[in-house]
Amino acid sequence: KAELEKTEAEIQQMIQKRRLKIQEIKHSVDLSKEDANREKAEGVQV
């Protein structure tokens, strides 16, 4: 049971890391979108 609890904690930690990675990826996509929009706006202006 102690081993399973440890495994569960590790799995939960892995899940949390992957959720954070999802947030990180989504944030990267948002930043990329912001950069793309800014670049397009500047390009259009130029």
ModelCIF file with pLDDT and N, C-alpha, C, O atoms, coordinates in Angstrom:
data_MODEL
#
_entry.id   MODEL 
#
_entity.id                         1 
_entity.type                       polymer 
_entity.pdbx_number_of_molecules   1 
#
_entity_poly.entity_id                      1 
_entity_poly.type                           'polypeptide(L)' 
_entity_poly.nstd_linkage                   no 
_entity_poly.nstd_monomer                   no 
_entity_poly.pdbx_seq_one_letter_code       KAELEKTEAEIQQMIQKRRLKIQEIKHSVDLSKEDANREKAEGVQV 
_entity_poly.pdbx_seq_one_letter_code_can   KAELEKTEAEIQQMIQKRRLKIQEIKHSVDLSKEDANREKAEGVQV 
_entity_poly.pdbx_strand_id                 A 
#
loop_
_entity_poly_seq.entity_id 
_entity_poly_seq.num 
_entity_poly_seq.mon_id 
_entity_poly_seq.hetero 
1 1  LYS n 
1 2  ALA n 
1 3  GLU n 
1 4  LEU n 
1 5  GLU n 
1 6  LYS n 
1 7  THR n 
1 8  GLU n 
1 9  ALA n 
1 10 GLU n 
1 11 ILE n 
1 12 GLN n 
1 13 GLN n 
1 14 MET n 
1 15 ILE n 
1 16 GLN n 
1 17 LYS n 
1 18 ARG n 
1 19 ARG n 
1 20 LEU n 
1 21 LYS n 
1 22 ILE n 
1 23 GLN n 
1 24 GLU n 
1 25 ILE n 
1 26 LYS n 
1 27 HIS n 
1 28 SER n 
1 29 VAL n 
1 30 ASP n 
1 31 LEU n 
1 32 SER n 
1 33 LYS n 
1 34 GLU n 
1 35 ASP n 
1 36 ALA n 
1 37 ASN n 
1 38 ARG n 
1 39 GLU n 
1 40 LYS n 
1 41 ALA n 
1 42 GLU n 
1 43 GLY n 
1 44 VAL n 
1 45 GLN n 
1 46 VAL n 
#
_struct_asym.id          A 
_struct_asym.entity_id   1 
#
loop_
_ma_qa_metric.id 
_ma_qa_metric.mode 
_ma_qa_metric.name 
_ma_qa_metric.software_group_id 
_ma_qa_metric.type 
1 global pLDDT . pLDDT 
2 local  pLDDT . pLDDT 
#
_ma_qa_metric_global.metric_id      1 
_ma_qa_metric_global.metric_value   91.83 
_ma_qa_metric_global.model_id       1 
_ma_qa_metric_global.ordinal_id     1 
#
loop_
_ma_qa_metric_local.label_asym_id 
_ma_qa_metric_local.label_comp_id 
_ma_qa_metric_local.label_seq_id 
_ma_qa_metric_local.metric_id 
_ma_qa_metric_local.metric_value 
_ma_qa_metric_local.model_id 
_ma_qa_metric_local.ordinal_id 
A LYS 1  2 91.00 1 1  
A ALA 2  2 92.00 1 2  
A GLU 3  2 91.00 1 3  
A LEU 4  2 93.00 1 4  
A GLU 5  2 93.00 1 5  
A LYS 6  2 94.00 1 6  
A THR 7  2 94.00 1 7  
A GLU 8  2 94.00 1 8  
A ALA 9  2 94.00 1 9  
A GLU 10 2 95.00 1 10 
A ILE 11 2 95.00 1 11 
A GLN 12 2 95.00 1 12 
A GLN 13 2 95.00 1 13 
A MET 14 2 95.00 1 14 
A ILE 15 2 96.00 1 15 
A GLN 16 2 96.00 1 16 
A LYS 17 2 95.00 1 17 
A ARG 18 2 95.00 1 18 
A ARG 19 2 95.00 1 19 
A LEU 20 2 95.00 1 20 
A LYS 21 2 94.00 1 21 
A ILE 22 2 95.00 1 22 
A GLN 23 2 95.00 1 23 
A GLU 24 2 92.00 1 24 
A ILE 25 2 93.00 1 25 
A LYS 26 2 95.00 1 26 
A HIS 27 2 93.00 1 27 
A SER 28 2 88.00 1 28 
A VAL 29 2 93.00 1 29 
A ASP 30 2 94.00 1 30 
A LEU 31 2 89.00 1 31 
A SER 32 2 89.00 1 32 
A LYS 33 2 94.00 1 33 
A GLU 34 2 93.00 1 34 
A ASP 35 2 86.00 1 35 
A ALA 36 2 90.00 1 36 
A ASN 37 2 93.00 1 37 
A ARG 38 2 87.00 1 38 
A GLU 39 2 84.00 1 39 
A LYS 40 2 91.00 1 40 
A ALA 41 2 90.00 1 41 
A GLU 42 2 83.00 1 42 
A GLY 43 2 84.00 1 43 
A VAL 44 2 90.00 1 44 
A GLN 45 2 85.00 1 45 
A VAL 46 2 81.00 1 46 
#
loop_
_atom_site.group_PDB 
_atom_site.id 
_atom_site.type_symbol 
_atom_site.label_atom_id 
_atom_site.label_alt_id 
_atom_site.label_comp_id 
_atom_site.label_asym_id 
_atom_site.label_entity_id 
_atom_site.label_seq_id 
_atom_site.pdbx_PDB_ins_code 
_atom_site.Cartn_x 
_atom_site.Cartn_y 
_atom_site.Cartn_z 
_atom_site.occupancy 
_atom_site.B_iso_or_equiv 
_atom_site.pdbx_formal_charge 
_atom_site.auth_seq_id 
_atom_site.auth_comp_id 
_atom_site.auth_asym_id 
_atom_site.auth_atom_id 
_atom_site.pdbx_PDB_model_num 
ATOM 1   N N  . LYS A 1 1  ? 0.834  -1.202 0.000   1.00 91.00 ? 1  LYS A N  1 
ATOM 2   C CA . LYS A 1 1  ? 0.000  0.000  0.000   1.00 91.00 ? 1  LYS A CA 1 
ATOM 3   C C  . LYS A 1 1  ? 0.865  1.247  0.000   1.00 91.00 ? 1  LYS A C  1 
ATOM 4   O O  . LYS A 1 1  ? 0.574  2.224  -0.691  1.00 91.00 ? 1  LYS A O  1 
ATOM 5   N N  . ALA A 1 2  ? 1.957  1.199  0.803   1.00 92.00 ? 2  ALA A N  1 
ATOM 6   C CA . ALA A 1 2  ? 2.882  2.335  0.826   1.00 92.00 ? 2  ALA A CA 1 
ATOM 7   C C  . ALA A 1 2  ? 3.510  2.535  -0.553  1.00 92.00 ? 2  ALA A C  1 
ATOM 8   O O  . ALA A 1 2  ? 3.678  3.660  -1.022  1.00 92.00 ? 2  ALA A O  1 
ATOM 9   N N  . GLU A 1 3  ? 3.855  1.401  -1.192  1.00 91.00 ? 3  GLU A N  1 
ATOM 10  C CA . GLU A 1 3  ? 4.417  1.496  -2.540  1.00 91.00 ? 3  GLU A CA 1 
ATOM 11  C C  . GLU A 1 3  ? 3.401  2.088  -3.513  1.00 91.00 ? 3  GLU A C  1 
ATOM 12  O O  . GLU A 1 3  ? 3.738  2.937  -4.339  1.00 91.00 ? 3  GLU A O  1 
ATOM 13  N N  . LEU A 1 4  ? 2.160  1.631  -3.406  1.00 93.00 ? 4  LEU A N  1 
ATOM 14  C CA . LEU A 1 4  ? 1.113  2.147  -4.293  1.00 93.00 ? 4  LEU A CA 1 
ATOM 15  C C  . LEU A 1 4  ? 0.870  3.629  -4.051  1.00 93.00 ? 4  LEU A C  1 
ATOM 16  O O  . LEU A 1 4  ? 0.668  4.406  -4.984  1.00 93.00 ? 4  LEU A O  1 
ATOM 17  N N  . GLU A 1 5  ? 0.895  4.005  -2.761  1.00 93.00 ? 5  GLU A N  1 
ATOM 18  C CA . GLU A 1 5  ? 0.709  5.429  -2.452  1.00 93.00 ? 5  GLU A CA 1 
ATOM 19  C C  . GLU A 1 5  ? 1.837  6.260  -3.045  1.00 93.00 ? 5  GLU A C  1 
ATOM 20  O O  . GLU A 1 5  ? 1.627  7.358  -3.561  1.00 93.00 ? 5  GLU A O  1 
ATOM 21  N N  . LYS A 1 6  ? 3.067  5.691  -2.953  1.00 94.00 ? 6  LYS A N  1 
ATOM 22  C CA . LYS A 1 6  ? 4.210  6.381  -3.550  1.00 94.00 ? 6  LYS A CA 1 
ATOM 23  C C  . LYS A 1 6  ? 4.054  6.468  -5.065  1.00 94.00 ? 6  LYS A C  1 
ATOM 24  O O  . LYS A 1 6  ? 4.303  7.505  -5.679  1.00 94.00 ? 6  LYS A O  1 
ATOM 25  N N  . THR A 1 7  ? 3.625  5.323  -5.659  1.00 94.00 ? 7  THR A N  1 
ATOM 26  C CA . THR A 1 7  ? 3.398  5.312  -7.105  1.00 94.00 ? 7  THR A CA 1 
ATOM 27  C C  . THR A 1 7  ? 2.309  6.294  -7.496  1.00 94.00 ? 7  THR A C  1 
ATOM 28  O O  . THR A 1 7  ? 2.414  7.001  -8.498  1.00 94.00 ? 7  THR A O  1 
ATOM 29  N N  . GLU A 1 8  ? 1.247  6.322  -6.674  1.00 94.00 ? 8  GLU A N  1 
ATOM 30  C CA . GLU A 1 8  ? 0.157  7.263  -6.942  1.00 94.00 ? 8  GLU A CA 1 
ATOM 31  C C  . GLU A 1 8  ? 0.650  8.696  -6.889  1.00 94.00 ? 8  GLU A C  1 
ATOM 32  O O  . GLU A 1 8  ? 0.299  9.524  -7.729  1.00 94.00 ? 8  GLU A O  1 
ATOM 33  N N  . ALA A 1 9  ? 1.487  8.977  -5.866  1.00 94.00 ? 9  ALA A N  1 
ATOM 34  C CA . ALA A 1 9  ? 2.035  10.334 -5.748  1.00 94.00 ? 9  ALA A CA 1 
ATOM 35  C C  . ALA A 1 9  ? 2.898  10.674 -6.967  1.00 94.00 ? 9  ALA A C  1 
ATOM 36  O O  . ALA A 1 9  ? 2.849  11.785 -7.494  1.00 94.00 ? 9  ALA A O  1 
ATOM 37  N N  . GLU A 1 10 ? 3.698  9.674  -7.405  1.00 95.00 ? 10 GLU A N  1 
ATOM 38  C CA . GLU A 1 10 ? 4.530  9.902  -8.586  1.00 95.00 ? 10 GLU A CA 1 
ATOM 39  C C  . GLU A 1 10 ? 3.675  10.131 -9.821  1.00 95.00 ? 10 GLU A C  1 
ATOM 40  O O  . GLU A 1 10 ? 3.966  11.004 -10.638 1.00 95.00 ? 10 GLU A O  1 
ATOM 41  N N  . ILE A 1 11 ? 2.611  9.332  -9.949  1.00 95.00 ? 11 ILE A N  1 
ATOM 42  C CA . ILE A 1 11 ? 1.714  9.499  -11.099 1.00 95.00 ? 11 ILE A CA 1 
ATOM 43  C C  . ILE A 1 11 ? 1.047  10.863 -11.062 1.00 95.00 ? 11 ILE A C  1 
ATOM 44  O O  . ILE A 1 11 ? 0.945  11.553 -12.076 1.00 95.00 ? 11 ILE A O  1 
ATOM 45  N N  . GLN A 1 12 ? 0.589  11.241 -9.853  1.00 95.00 ? 12 GLN A N  1 
ATOM 46  C CA . GLN A 1 12 ? -0.024 12.563 -9.705  1.00 95.00 ? 12 GLN A CA 1 
ATOM 47  C C  . GLN A 1 12 ? 0.957  13.671 -10.080 1.00 95.00 ? 12 GLN A C  1 
ATOM 48  O O  . GLN A 1 12 ? 0.598  14.667 -10.709 1.00 95.00 ? 12 GLN A O  1 
ATOM 49  N N  . GLN A 1 13 ? 2.211  13.460 -9.670  1.00 95.00 ? 13 GLN A N  1 
ATOM 50  C CA . GLN A 1 13 ? 3.233  14.449 -10.005 1.00 95.00 ? 13 GLN A CA 1 
ATOM 51  C C  . GLN A 1 13 ? 3.458  14.487 -11.522 1.00 95.00 ? 13 GLN A C  1 
ATOM 52  O O  . GLN A 1 13 ? 3.615  15.560 -12.104 1.00 95.00 ? 13 GLN A O  1 
ATOM 53  N N  . MET A 1 14 ? 3.471  13.313 -12.155 1.00 95.00 ? 14 MET A N  1 
ATOM 54  C CA . MET A 1 14 ? 3.614  13.260 -13.608 1.00 95.00 ? 14 MET A CA 1 
ATOM 55  C C  . MET A 1 14 ? 2.435  13.930 -14.292 1.00 95.00 ? 14 MET A C  1 
ATOM 56  O O  . MET A 1 14 ? 2.593  14.654 -15.275 1.00 95.00 ? 14 MET A O  1 
ATOM 57  N N  . ILE A 1 15 ? 1.238  13.673 -13.748 1.00 96.00 ? 15 ILE A N  1 
ATOM 58  C CA . ILE A 1 15 ? 0.044  14.316 -14.316 1.00 96.00 ? 15 ILE A CA 1 
ATOM 59  C C  . ILE A 1 15 ? 0.141  15.825 -14.190 1.00 96.00 ? 15 ILE A C  1 
ATOM 60  O O  . ILE A 1 15 ? -0.156 16.564 -15.129 1.00 96.00 ? 15 ILE A O  1 
ATOM 61  N N  . GLN A 1 16 ? 0.570  16.277 -12.989 1.00 96.00 ? 16 GLN A N  1 
ATOM 62  C CA . GLN A 1 16 ? 0.694  17.709 -12.755 1.00 96.00 ? 16 GLN A CA 1 
ATOM 63  C C  . GLN A 1 16 ? 1.722  18.335 -13.699 1.00 96.00 ? 16 GLN A C  1 
ATOM 64  O O  . GLN A 1 16 ? 1.509  19.417 -14.246 1.00 96.00 ? 16 GLN A O  1 
ATOM 65  N N  . LYS A 1 17 ? 2.847  17.622 -13.876 1.00 95.00 ? 17 LYS A N  1 
ATOM 66  C CA . LYS A 1 17 ? 3.875  18.131 -14.794 1.00 95.00 ? 17 LYS A CA 1 
ATOM 67  C C  . LYS A 1 17 ? 3.335  18.252 -16.205 1.00 95.00 ? 17 LYS A C  1 
ATOM 68  O O  . LYS A 1 17 ? 3.626  19.217 -16.912 1.00 95.00 ? 17 LYS A O  1 
ATOM 69  N N  . ARG A 1 18 ? 2.548  17.268 -16.609 1.00 95.00 ? 18 ARG A N  1 
ATOM 70  C CA . ARG A 1 18 ? 2.003  17.311 -17.956 1.00 95.00 ? 18 ARG A CA 1 
ATOM 71  C C  . ARG A 1 18 ? 0.930  18.380 -18.105 1.00 95.00 ? 18 ARG A C  1 
ATOM 72  O O  . ARG A 1 18 ? 0.788  18.992 -19.164 1.00 95.00 ? 18 ARG A O  1 
ATOM 73  N N  . ARG A 1 19 ? 0.173  18.599 -17.027 1.00 95.00 ? 19 ARG A N  1 
ATOM 74  C CA . ARG A 1 19 ? -0.787 19.705 -17.077 1.00 95.00 ? 19 ARG A CA 1 
ATOM 75  C C  . ARG A 1 19 ? -0.065 21.046 -17.181 1.00 95.00 ? 19 ARG A C  1 
ATOM 76  O O  . ARG A 1 19 ? -0.478 21.942 -17.918 1.00 95.00 ? 19 ARG A O  1 
ATOM 77  N N  . LEU A 1 20 ? 1.028  21.156 -16.418 1.00 95.00 ? 20 LEU A N  1 
ATOM 78  C CA . LEU A 1 20 ? 1.829  22.382 -16.503 1.00 95.00 ? 20 LEU A CA 1 
ATOM 79  C C  . LEU A 1 20 ? 2.434  22.528 -17.894 1.00 95.00 ? 20 LEU A C  1 
ATOM 80  O O  . LEU A 1 20 ? 2.524  23.628 -18.439 1.00 95.00 ? 20 LEU A O  1 
ATOM 81  N N  . LYS A 1 21 ? 2.854  21.374 -18.464 1.00 94.00 ? 21 LYS A N  1 
ATOM 82  C CA . LYS A 1 21 ? 3.410  21.423 -19.820 1.00 94.00 ? 21 LYS A CA 1 
ATOM 83  C C  . LYS A 1 21 ? 2.359  21.854 -20.822 1.00 94.00 ? 21 LYS A C  1 
ATOM 84  O O  . LYS A 1 21 ? 2.653  22.601 -21.755 1.00 94.00 ? 21 LYS A O  1 
ATOM 85  N N  . ILE A 1 22 ? 1.123  21.382 -20.631 1.00 95.00 ? 22 ILE A N  1 
ATOM 86  C CA . ILE A 1 22 ? 0.023  21.815 -21.504 1.00 95.00 ? 22 ILE A CA 1 
ATOM 87  C C  . ILE A 1 22 ? -0.165 23.320 -21.399 1.00 95.00 ? 22 ILE A C  1 
ATOM 88  O O  . ILE A 1 22 ? -0.319 24.014 -22.404 1.00 95.00 ? 22 ILE A O  1 
ATOM 89  N N  . GLN A 1 23 ? -0.149 23.821 -20.145 1.00 95.00 ? 23 GLN A N  1 
ATOM 90  C CA . GLN A 1 23 ? -0.282 25.270 -19.953 1.00 95.00 ? 23 GLN A CA 1 
ATOM 91  C C  . GLN A 1 23 ? 0.872  26.014 -20.613 1.00 95.00 ? 23 GLN A C  1 
ATOM 92  O O  . GLN A 1 23 ? 0.693  27.066 -21.228 1.00 95.00 ? 23 GLN A O  1 
ATOM 93  N N  . GLU A 1 24 ? 2.077  25.426 -20.462 1.00 92.00 ? 24 GLU A N  1 
ATOM 94  C CA . GLU A 1 24 ? 3.257  26.050 -21.069 1.00 92.00 ? 24 GLU A CA 1 
ATOM 95  C C  . GLU A 1 24 ? 3.127  26.098 -22.586 1.00 92.00 ? 24 GLU A C  1 
ATOM 96  O O  . GLU A 1 24 ? 3.425  27.113 -23.215 1.00 92.00 ? 24 GLU A O  1 
ATOM 97  N N  . ILE A 1 25 ? 2.674  24.977 -23.170 1.00 93.00 ? 25 ILE A N  1 
ATOM 98  C CA . ILE A 1 25 ? 2.510  24.922 -24.620 1.00 93.00 ? 25 ILE A CA 1 
ATOM 99  C C  . ILE A 1 25 ? 1.443  25.905 -25.081 1.00 93.00 ? 25 ILE A C  1 
ATOM 100 O O  . ILE A 1 25 ? 1.626  26.623 -26.064 1.00 93.00 ? 25 ILE A O  1 
ATOM 101 N N  . LYS A 1 26 ? 0.315  25.927 -24.349 1.00 95.00 ? 26 LYS A N  1 
ATOM 102 C CA . LYS A 1 26 ? -0.751 26.872 -24.702 1.00 95.00 ? 26 LYS A CA 1 
ATOM 103 C C  . LYS A 1 26 ? -0.251 28.312 -24.585 1.00 95.00 ? 26 LYS A C  1 
ATOM 104 O O  . LYS A 1 26 ? -0.570 29.169 -25.409 1.00 95.00 ? 26 LYS A O  1 
ATOM 105 N N  . HIS A 1 27 ? 0.550  28.556 -23.528 1.00 93.00 ? 27 HIS A N  1 
ATOM 106 C CA . HIS A 1 27 ? 1.101  29.896 -23.360 1.00 93.00 ? 27 HIS A CA 1 
ATOM 107 C C  . HIS A 1 27 ? 2.039  30.241 -24.507 1.00 93.00 ? 27 HIS A C  1 
ATOM 108 O O  . HIS A 1 27 ? 2.048  31.371 -24.996 1.00 93.00 ? 27 HIS A O  1 
ATOM 109 N N  . SER A 1 28 ? 2.836  29.247 -24.938 1.00 88.00 ? 28 SER A N  1 
ATOM 110 C CA . SER A 1 28 ? 3.734  29.466 -26.067 1.00 88.00 ? 28 SER A CA 1 
ATOM 111 C C  . SER A 1 28 ? 2.943  29.777 -27.336 1.00 88.00 ? 28 SER A C  1 
ATOM 112 O O  . SER A 1 28 ? 3.316  30.647 -28.124 1.00 88.00 ? 28 SER A O  1 
ATOM 113 N N  . VAL A 1 29 ? 1.831  29.039 -27.517 1.00 93.00 ? 29 VAL A N  1 
ATOM 114 C CA . VAL A 1 29 ? 0.982  29.297 -28.682 1.00 93.00 ? 29 VAL A CA 1 
ATOM 115 C C  . VAL A 1 29 ? 0.401  30.704 -28.606 1.00 93.00 ? 29 VAL A C  1 
ATOM 116 O O  . VAL A 1 29 ? 0.345  31.412 -29.611 1.00 93.00 ? 29 VAL A O  1 
ATOM 117 N N  . ASP A 1 30 ? -0.036 31.112 -27.401 1.00 94.00 ? 30 ASP A N  1 
ATOM 118 C CA . ASP A 1 30 ? -0.577 32.473 -27.231 1.00 94.00 ? 30 ASP A CA 1 
ATOM 119 C C  . ASP A 1 30 ? 0.486  33.517 -27.542 1.00 94.00 ? 30 ASP A C  1 
ATOM 120 O O  . ASP A 1 30 ? 0.222  34.511 -28.218 1.00 94.00 ? 30 ASP A O  1 
ATOM 121 N N  . LEU A 1 31 ? 1.710  33.273 -27.031 1.00 89.00 ? 31 LEU A N  1 
ATOM 122 C CA . LEU A 1 31 ? 2.797  34.216 -27.305 1.00 89.00 ? 31 LEU A CA 1 
ATOM 123 C C  . LEU A 1 31 ? 3.100  34.258 -28.800 1.00 89.00 ? 31 LEU A C  1 
ATOM 124 O O  . LEU A 1 31 ? 3.319  35.323 -29.377 1.00 89.00 ? 31 LEU A O  1 
ATOM 125 N N  . SER A 1 32 ? 3.108  33.065 -29.418 1.00 89.00 ? 32 SER A N  1 
ATOM 126 C CA . SER A 1 32 ? 3.365  33.006 -30.851 1.00 89.00 ? 32 SER A CA 1 
ATOM 127 C C  . SER A 1 32 ? 2.285  33.762 -31.626 1.00 89.00 ? 32 SER A C  1 
ATOM 128 O O  . SER A 1 32 ? 2.569  34.463 -32.597 1.00 89.00 ? 32 SER A O  1 
ATOM 129 N N  . LYS A 1 33 ? 1.046  33.602 -31.172 1.00 94.00 ? 33 LYS A N  1 
ATOM 130 C CA . LYS A 1 33 ? -0.058 34.295 -31.842 1.00 94.00 ? 33 LYS A CA 1 
ATOM 131 C C  . LYS A 1 33 ? 0.089  35.806 -31.678 1.00 94.00 ? 33 LYS A C  1 
ATOM 132 O O  . LYS A 1 33 ? -0.131 36.566 -32.621 1.00 94.00 ? 33 LYS A O  1 
ATOM 133 N N  . GLU A 1 34 ? 0.464  36.231 -30.468 1.00 93.00 ? 34 GLU A N  1 
ATOM 134 C CA . GLU A 1 34 ? 0.686  37.665 -30.233 1.00 93.00 ? 34 GLU A CA 1 
ATOM 135 C C  . GLU A 1 34 ? 1.806  38.185 -31.123 1.00 93.00 ? 34 GLU A C  1 
ATOM 136 O O  . GLU A 1 34 ? 1.691  39.244 -31.740 1.00 93.00 ? 34 GLU A O  1 
ATOM 137 N N  . ASP A 1 35 ? 2.913  37.405 -31.177 1.00 86.00 ? 35 ASP A N  1 
ATOM 138 C CA . ASP A 1 35 ? 4.032  37.811 -32.026 1.00 86.00 ? 35 ASP A CA 1 
ATOM 139 C C  . ASP A 1 35 ? 3.619  37.866 -33.487 1.00 86.00 ? 35 ASP A C  1 
ATOM 140 O O  . ASP A 1 35 ? 3.977  38.793 -34.214 1.00 86.00 ? 35 ASP A O  1 
ATOM 141 N N  . ALA A 1 36 ? 2.851  36.849 -33.910 1.00 90.00 ? 36 ALA A N  1 
ATOM 142 C CA . ALA A 1 36 ? 2.413  36.807 -35.310 1.00 90.00 ? 36 ALA A CA 1 
ATOM 143 C C  . ALA A 1 36 ? 1.508  37.997 -35.632 1.00 90.00 ? 36 ALA A C  1 
ATOM 144 O O  . ALA A 1 36 ? 1.655  38.634 -36.675 1.00 90.00 ? 36 ALA A O  1 
ATOM 145 N N  . ASN A 1 37 ? 0.571  38.289 -34.727 1.00 93.00 ? 37 ASN A N  1 
ATOM 146 C CA . ASN A 1 37 ? -0.333 39.428 -34.950 1.00 93.00 ? 37 ASN A CA 1 
ATOM 147 C C  . ASN A 1 37 ? 0.444  40.746 -34.977 1.00 93.00 ? 37 ASN A C  1 
ATOM 148 O O  . ASN A 1 37 ? 0.191  41.622 -35.804 1.00 93.00 ? 37 ASN A O  1 
ATOM 149 N N  . ARG A 1 38 ? 1.398  40.860 -34.044 1.00 87.00 ? 38 ARG A N  1 
ATOM 150 C CA . ARG A 1 38 ? 2.206  42.094 -34.018 1.00 87.00 ? 38 ARG A CA 1 
ATOM 151 C C  . ARG A 1 38 ? 3.040  42.220 -35.287 1.00 87.00 ? 38 ARG A C  1 
ATOM 152 O O  . ARG A 1 38 ? 3.152  43.295 -35.878 1.00 87.00 ? 38 ARG A O  1 
ATOM 153 N N  . GLU A 1 39 ? 3.628  41.077 -35.694 1.00 84.00 ? 39 GLU A N  1 
ATOM 154 C CA . GLU A 1 39 ? 4.460  41.105 -36.892 1.00 84.00 ? 39 GLU A CA 1 
ATOM 155 C C  . GLU A 1 39 ? 3.626  41.430 -38.128 1.00 84.00 ? 39 GLU A C  1 
ATOM 156 O O  . GLU A 1 39 ? 4.058  42.184 -38.999 1.00 84.00 ? 39 GLU A O  1 
ATOM 157 N N  . LYS A 1 40 ? 2.405  40.844 -38.194 1.00 91.00 ? 40 LYS A N  1 
ATOM 158 C CA . LYS A 1 40 ? 1.533  41.134 -39.332 1.00 91.00 ? 40 LYS A CA 1 
ATOM 159 C C  . LYS A 1 40 ? 1.135  42.606 -39.342 1.00 91.00 ? 40 LYS A C  1 
ATOM 160 O O  . LYS A 1 40 ? 1.139  43.256 -40.388 1.00 91.00 ? 40 LYS A O  1 
ATOM 161 N N  . ALA A 1 41 ? 0.788  43.129 -38.150 1.00 90.00 ? 41 ALA A N  1 
ATOM 162 C CA . ALA A 1 41 ? 0.386  44.531 -38.067 1.00 90.00 ? 41 ALA A CA 1 
ATOM 163 C C  . ALA A 1 41 ? 1.536  45.444 -38.491 1.00 90.00 ? 41 ALA A C  1 
ATOM 164 O O  . ALA A 1 41 ? 1.343  46.394 -39.250 1.00 90.00 ? 41 ALA A O  1 
ATOM 165 N N  . GLU A 1 42 ? 2.728  45.142 -37.990 1.00 83.00 ? 42 GLU A N  1 
ATOM 166 C CA . GLU A 1 42 ? 3.879  45.954 -38.362 1.00 83.00 ? 42 GLU A CA 1 
ATOM 167 C C  . GLU A 1 42 ? 4.194  45.799 -39.843 1.00 83.00 ? 42 GLU A C  1 
ATOM 168 O O  . GLU A 1 42 ? 4.542  46.764 -40.523 1.00 83.00 ? 42 GLU A O  1 
ATOM 169 N N  . GLY A 1 43 ? 4.064  44.559 -40.334 1.00 84.00 ? 43 GLY A N  1 
ATOM 170 C CA . GLY A 1 43 ? 4.320  44.331 -41.758 1.00 84.00 ? 43 GLY A CA 1 
ATOM 171 C C  . GLY A 1 43 ? 3.342  45.090 -42.637 1.00 84.00 ? 43 GLY A C  1 
ATOM 172 O O  . GLY A 1 43 ? 3.736  45.707 -43.627 1.00 84.00 ? 43 GLY A O  1 
ATOM 173 N N  . VAL A 1 44 ? 2.068  45.043 -42.275 1.00 90.00 ? 44 VAL A N  1 
ATOM 174 C CA . VAL A 1 44 ? 1.058  45.779 -43.031 1.00 90.00 ? 44 VAL A CA 1 
ATOM 175 C C  . VAL A 1 44 ? 1.359  47.272 -43.005 1.00 90.00 ? 44 VAL A C  1 
ATOM 176 O O  . VAL A 1 44 ? 1.283  47.952 -44.028 1.00 90.00 ? 44 VAL A O  1 
ATOM 177 N N  . GLN A 1 45 ? 1.703  47.772 -41.819 1.00 85.00 ? 45 GLN A N  1 
ATOM 178 C CA . GLN A 1 45 ? 2.008  49.202 -41.680 1.00 85.00 ? 45 GLN A CA 1 
ATOM 179 C C  . GLN A 1 45 ? 3.206  49.588 -42.545 1.00 85.00 ? 45 GLN A C  1 
ATOM 180 O O  . GLN A 1 45 ? 3.186  50.611 -43.229 1.00 85.00 ? 45 GLN A O  1 
ATOM 181 N N  . VAL A 1 46 ? 4.250  48.755 -42.506 1.00 81.00 ? 46 VAL A N  1 
ATOM 182 C CA . VAL A 1 46 ? 5.450  49.053 -43.286 1.00 81.00 ? 46 VAL A CA 1 
ATOM 183 C C  . VAL A 1 46 ? 5.158  49.008 -44.778 1.00 81.00 ? 46 VAL A C  1 
ATOM 184 O O  . VAL A 1 46 ? 6.055  49.235 -45.590 1.00 81.00 ? 46 VAL A O  1 
#
